[in-house]
Amino acid sequence: MRSGDAPVLLSARPQFTQEDLPLMARLARIAPELPAANLPGALAFYEQLGFHTVSQLPGRDYAIVERDGVAIHLFKQGPRPASPVGVHIFTPNLAELYEELTERGVRFAQGIERKPWGTRDFRIRDEFGNELKFTEPQPEDD
């Protein structure tokens, strides 16, 4: 950045739409894999967040939970613990989700906060240190 230039902030808003893209292969969805030392405990935690188990491999080493089209894959850690992961999960109704999870007895790592990059979010950590960042973009004039 040259001297005198204003700092550049990253925006959570897409810089283009699907219509702006040339016809080519498209990405449809992403499903992060999160480490969990105790898979049954992890499944109970994600059920408290409103996710439901859609698949569990025999041996109980791998499972998939989903809510509203958002999938999270959980895997049992091996002998060497994996590093915790941070995941942004976007929602158009952050306050309502926060209220729902509060009523379910969820403990928050951070309440709703406005971020300087144009979003609001709240954060939840599972017992393995993975951080879920429930995020809502803010209108430009807000």
C-alpha atoms as a PDB file:
ATOM      1  CA  MET A   1       0.000   0.000   0.000  1.00  0.00           C
ATOM      2  CA  ARG A   2       1.369   3.432  -0.903  1.00  0.00           C
ATOM      3  CA  SER A   3       1.652   6.165   1.685  1.00  0.00           C
ATOM      4  CA  GLY A   4      -1.634   8.060   1.925  1.00  0.00           C
ATOM      5  CA  ASP A   5      -3.755   5.209   0.561  1.00  0.00           C
ATOM      6  CA  ALA A   6      -6.786   4.297   2.641  1.00  0.00           C
ATOM      7  CA  PRO A   7      -6.703   0.824   4.195  1.00  0.00           C
ATOM      8  CA  VAL A   8      -8.576  -1.839   2.289  1.00  0.00           C
ATOM      9  CA  LEU A   9     -11.168  -3.856   4.194  1.00  0.00           C
ATOM     10  CA  LEU A  10     -12.259  -7.275   3.042  1.00  0.00           C
ATOM     11  CA  SER A  11     -15.978  -7.606   2.464  1.00  0.00           C
ATOM     12  CA  ALA A  12     -18.085 -10.624   3.378  1.00  0.00           C
ATOM     13  CA  ARG A  13     -20.364  -9.734   0.479  1.00  0.00           C
ATOM     14  CA  PRO A  14     -19.727 -11.461  -2.850  1.00  0.00           C
ATOM     15  CA  GLN A  15     -17.977  -9.226  -5.351  1.00  0.00           C
ATOM     16  CA  PHE A  16     -19.862 -10.870  -8.221  1.00  0.00           C
ATOM     17  CA  THR A  17     -22.936 -13.011  -8.791  1.00  0.00           C
ATOM     18  CA  GLN A  18     -23.348 -16.360 -10.544  1.00  0.00           C
ATOM     19  CA  GLU A  19     -24.648 -14.462 -13.581  1.00  0.00           C
ATOM     20  CA  ASP A  20     -21.289 -12.660 -13.833  1.00  0.00           C
ATOM     21  CA  LEU A  21     -19.401 -15.930 -14.226  1.00  0.00           C
ATOM     22  CA  PRO A  22     -18.742 -17.481 -17.628  1.00  0.00           C
ATOM     23  CA  LEU A  23     -20.390 -20.826 -18.303  1.00  0.00           C
ATOM     24  CA  MET A  24     -18.139 -23.395 -16.656  1.00  0.00           C
ATOM     25  CA  ALA A  25     -18.109 -25.911 -13.858  1.00  0.00           C
ATOM     26  CA  ARG A  26     -19.515 -24.469 -10.623  1.00  0.00           C
ATOM     27  CA  LEU A  27     -19.009 -25.252  -6.978  1.00  0.00           C
ATOM     28  CA  ALA A  28     -22.193 -26.166  -5.122  1.00  0.00           C
ATOM     29  CA  ARG A  29     -21.368 -26.531  -1.442  1.00  0.00           C
ATOM     30  CA  ILE A  30     -18.640 -27.093   1.107  1.00  0.00           C
ATOM     31  CA  ALA A  31     -18.575 -29.454   4.087  1.00  0.00           C
ATOM     32  CA  PRO A  32     -15.753 -28.960   6.582  1.00  0.00           C
ATOM     33  CA  GLU A  33     -14.279 -31.898   8.488  1.00  0.00           C
ATOM     34  CA  LEU A  34     -13.872 -31.203  12.197  1.00  0.00           C
ATOM     35  CA  PRO A  35     -11.835 -33.336  14.601  1.00  0.00           C
ATOM     36  CA  ALA A  36     -13.645 -34.842  17.588  1.00  0.00           C
ATOM     37  CA  ALA A  37     -11.935 -36.998  20.213  1.00  0.00           C
ATOM     38  CA  ASN A  38     -15.326 -38.234  21.444  1.00  0.00           C
ATOM     39  CA  LEU A  39     -17.663 -38.742  18.477  1.00  0.00           C
ATOM     40  CA  PRO A  40     -20.811 -39.593  20.509  1.00  0.00           C
ATOM     41  CA  GLY A  41     -20.244 -36.436  22.594  1.00  0.00           C
ATOM     42  CA  ALA A  42     -19.743 -34.372  19.442  1.00  0.00           C
ATOM     43  CA  LEU A  43     -22.986 -35.701  17.935  1.00  0.00           C
ATOM     44  CA  ALA A  44     -24.890 -34.751  21.104  1.00  0.00           C
ATOM     45  CA  PHE A  45     -23.352 -31.247  20.988  1.00  0.00           C
ATOM     46  CA  TYR A  46     -24.307 -30.658  17.346  1.00  0.00           C
ATOM     47  CA  GLU A  47     -27.824 -31.989  17.996  1.00  0.00           C
ATOM     48  CA  GLN A  48     -28.157 -29.274  20.668  1.00  0.00           C
ATOM     49  CA  LEU A  49     -27.339 -26.767  17.896  1.00  0.00           C
ATOM     50  CA  GLY A  50     -30.210 -28.156  15.807  1.00  0.00           C
ATOM     51  CA  PHE A  51     -28.150 -30.399  13.515  1.00  0.00           C
ATOM     52  CA  HIS A  52     -29.216 -33.993  12.921  1.00  0.00           C
ATOM     53  CA  THR A  53     -27.052 -37.003  12.099  1.00  0.00           C
ATOM     54  CA  VAL A  54     -27.495 -38.028   8.457  1.00  0.00           C
ATOM     55  CA  SER A  55     -24.709 -40.601   8.237  1.00  0.00           C
ATOM     56  CA  GLN A  56     -22.412 -42.507  10.540  1.00  0.00           C
ATOM     57  CA  LEU A  57     -19.807 -44.971   9.343  1.00  0.00           C
ATOM     58  CA  PRO A  58     -19.516 -48.366  11.011  1.00  0.00           C
ATOM     59  CA  GLY A  59     -17.007 -48.275  13.836  1.00  0.00           C
ATOM     60  CA  ARG A  60     -18.279 -44.823  14.873  1.00  0.00           C
ATOM     61  CA  ASP A  61     -15.146 -43.050  13.578  1.00  0.00           C
ATOM     62  CA  TYR A  62     -16.874 -40.680  11.130  1.00  0.00           C
ATOM     63  CA  ALA A  63     -20.272 -38.993  11.000  1.00  0.00           C
ATOM     64  CA  ILE A  64     -22.081 -36.253   9.078  1.00  0.00           C
ATOM     65  CA  VAL A  65     -24.510 -33.797  10.667  1.00  0.00           C
ATOM     66  CA  GLU A  66     -26.720 -31.349   8.750  1.00  0.00           C
ATOM     67  CA  ARG A  67     -28.974 -28.403   9.385  1.00  0.00           C
ATOM     68  CA  ASP A  68     -30.651 -26.220   6.742  1.00  0.00           C
ATOM     69  CA  GLY A  69     -28.418 -27.596   3.982  1.00  0.00           C
ATOM     70  CA  VAL A  70     -25.211 -27.002   5.970  1.00  0.00           C
ATOM     71  CA  ALA A  71     -23.208 -30.200   6.493  1.00  0.00           C
ATOM     72  CA  ILE A  72     -20.393 -30.748   8.970  1.00  0.00           C
ATOM     73  CA  HIS A  73     -18.308 -33.915   8.842  1.00  0.00           C
ATOM     74  CA  LEU A  74     -16.948 -35.126  12.172  1.00  0.00           C
ATOM     75  CA  PHE A  75     -14.056 -37.554  12.499  1.00  0.00           C
ATOM     76  CA  LYS A  76     -12.594 -39.296  15.507  1.00  0.00           C
ATOM     77  CA  GLN A  77      -9.073 -38.103  16.152  1.00  0.00           C
ATOM     78  CA  GLY A  78      -6.235 -40.546  15.932  1.00  0.00           C
ATOM     79  CA  PRO A  79      -3.464 -40.883  18.517  1.00  0.00           C
ATOM     80  CA  ARG A  80      -2.037 -37.480  17.499  1.00  0.00           C
ATOM     81  CA  PRO A  81      -4.665 -34.810  18.175  1.00  0.00           C
ATOM     82  CA  ALA A  82      -5.669 -32.647  15.218  1.00  0.00           C
ATOM     83  CA  SER A  83      -5.637 -28.867  15.495  1.00  0.00           C
ATOM     84  CA  PRO A  84      -9.013 -27.237  16.133  1.00  0.00           C
ATOM     85  CA  VAL A  85     -10.772 -25.657  13.151  1.00  0.00           C
ATOM     86  CA  GLY A  86     -12.710 -22.396  12.716  1.00  0.00           C
ATOM     87  CA  VAL A  87     -15.761 -22.365  10.431  1.00  0.00           C
ATOM     88  CA  HIS A  88     -17.975 -19.462   9.307  1.00  0.00           C
ATOM     89  CA  ILE A  89     -21.628 -20.456   8.883  1.00  0.00           C
ATOM     90  CA  PHE A  90     -23.620 -17.688   7.207  1.00  0.00           C
ATOM     91  CA  THR A  91     -27.233 -16.932   8.120  1.00  0.00           C
ATOM     92  CA  PRO A  92     -29.646 -14.161   7.105  1.00  0.00           C
ATOM     93  CA  ASN A  93     -31.234 -14.112  10.588  1.00  0.00           C
ATOM     94  CA  LEU A  94     -28.474 -14.048  13.188  1.00  0.00           C
ATOM     95  CA  ALA A  95     -30.531 -12.647  16.089  1.00  0.00           C
ATOM     96  CA  GLU A  96     -33.238 -15.291  15.699  1.00  0.00           C
ATOM     97  CA  LEU A  97     -30.646 -18.084  15.592  1.00  0.00           C
ATOM     98  CA  TYR A  98     -28.913 -16.673  18.684  1.00  0.00           C
ATOM     99  CA  GLU A  99     -32.246 -16.604  20.527  1.00  0.00           C
ATOM    100  CA  GLU A 100     -33.064 -20.186  19.456  1.00  0.00           C
ATOM    101  CA  LEU A 101     -29.700 -21.506  20.625  1.00  0.00           C
ATOM    102  CA  THR A 102     -29.962 -19.564  23.895  1.00  0.00           C
ATOM    103  CA  GLU A 103     -33.305 -21.279  24.542  1.00  0.00           C
ATOM    104  CA  ARG A 104     -31.625 -24.647  23.820  1.00  0.00           C
ATOM    105  CA  GLY A 105     -29.094 -23.930  26.583  1.00  0.00           C
ATOM    106  CA  VAL A 106     -26.080 -23.459  24.299  1.00  0.00           C
ATOM    107  CA  ARG A 107     -23.029 -21.769  25.871  1.00  0.00           C
ATOM    108  CA  PHE A 108     -21.497 -19.061  23.692  1.00  0.00           C
ATOM    109  CA  ALA A 109     -17.801 -18.253  23.378  1.00  0.00           C
ATOM    110  CA  GLN A 110     -18.834 -14.780  22.175  1.00  0.00           C
ATOM    111  CA  GLY A 111     -22.204 -13.049  21.991  1.00  0.00           C
ATOM    112  CA  ILE A 112     -23.356 -11.105  18.929  1.00  0.00           C
ATOM    113  CA  GLU A 113     -20.717  -8.559  17.906  1.00  0.00           C
ATOM    114  CA  ARG A 114     -20.362  -6.225  14.934  1.00  0.00           C
ATOM    115  CA  LYS A 115     -17.082  -6.778  13.080  1.00  0.00           C
ATOM    116  CA  PRO A 116     -15.090  -4.083  11.238  1.00  0.00           C
ATOM    117  CA  TRP A 117     -15.188  -6.081   7.981  1.00  0.00           C
ATOM    118  CA  GLY A 118     -18.953  -5.662   7.555  1.00  0.00           C
ATOM    119  CA  THR A 119     -20.497  -8.596   9.426  1.00  0.00           C
ATOM    120  CA  ARG A 120     -21.999  -9.453  12.783  1.00  0.00           C
ATOM    121  CA  ASP A 121     -21.367 -12.833  14.372  1.00  0.00           C
ATOM    122  CA  PHE A 122     -21.547 -14.956  17.481  1.00  0.00           C
ATOM    123  CA  ARG A 123     -19.253 -17.841  18.270  1.00  0.00           C
ATOM    124  CA  ILE A 124     -19.555 -21.262  19.847  1.00  0.00           C
ATOM    125  CA  ARG A 125     -16.715 -23.681  20.645  1.00  0.00           C
ATOM    126  CA  ASP A 126     -17.215 -27.399  20.905  1.00  0.00           C
ATOM    127  CA  GLU A 127     -15.381 -29.389  23.581  1.00  0.00           C
ATOM    128  CA  PHE A 128     -12.548 -30.101  21.119  1.00  0.00           C
ATOM    129  CA  GLY A 129     -11.774 -26.411  20.483  1.00  0.00           C
ATOM    130  CA  ASN A 130     -13.451 -26.113  17.070  1.00  0.00           C
ATOM    131  CA  GLU A 131     -15.034 -22.677  16.698  1.00  0.00           C
ATOM    132  CA  LEU A 132     -18.309 -22.145  14.845  1.00  0.00           C
ATOM    133  CA  LYS A 133     -18.709 -18.511  13.771  1.00  0.00           C
ATOM    134  CA  PHE A 134     -22.357 -17.870  12.899  1.00  0.00           C
ATOM    135  CA  THR A 135     -22.142 -14.832  10.638  1.00  0.00           C
ATOM    136  CA  GLU A 136     -24.541 -12.338   9.058  1.00  0.00           C
ATOM    137  CA  PRO A 137     -23.449  -9.757   6.462  1.00  0.00           C
ATOM    138  CA  GLN A 138     -24.521  -6.201   7.285  1.00  0.00           C
ATOM    139  CA  PRO A 139     -26.166  -3.832   4.815  1.00  0.00           C
ATOM    140  CA  GLU A 140     -23.772  -1.247   3.358  1.00  0.00           C
ATOM    141  CA  ASP A 141     -25.703   1.660   4.928  1.00  0.00           C
ATOM    142  CA  ASP A 142     -25.947   0.032   8.384  1.00  0.00           C
END
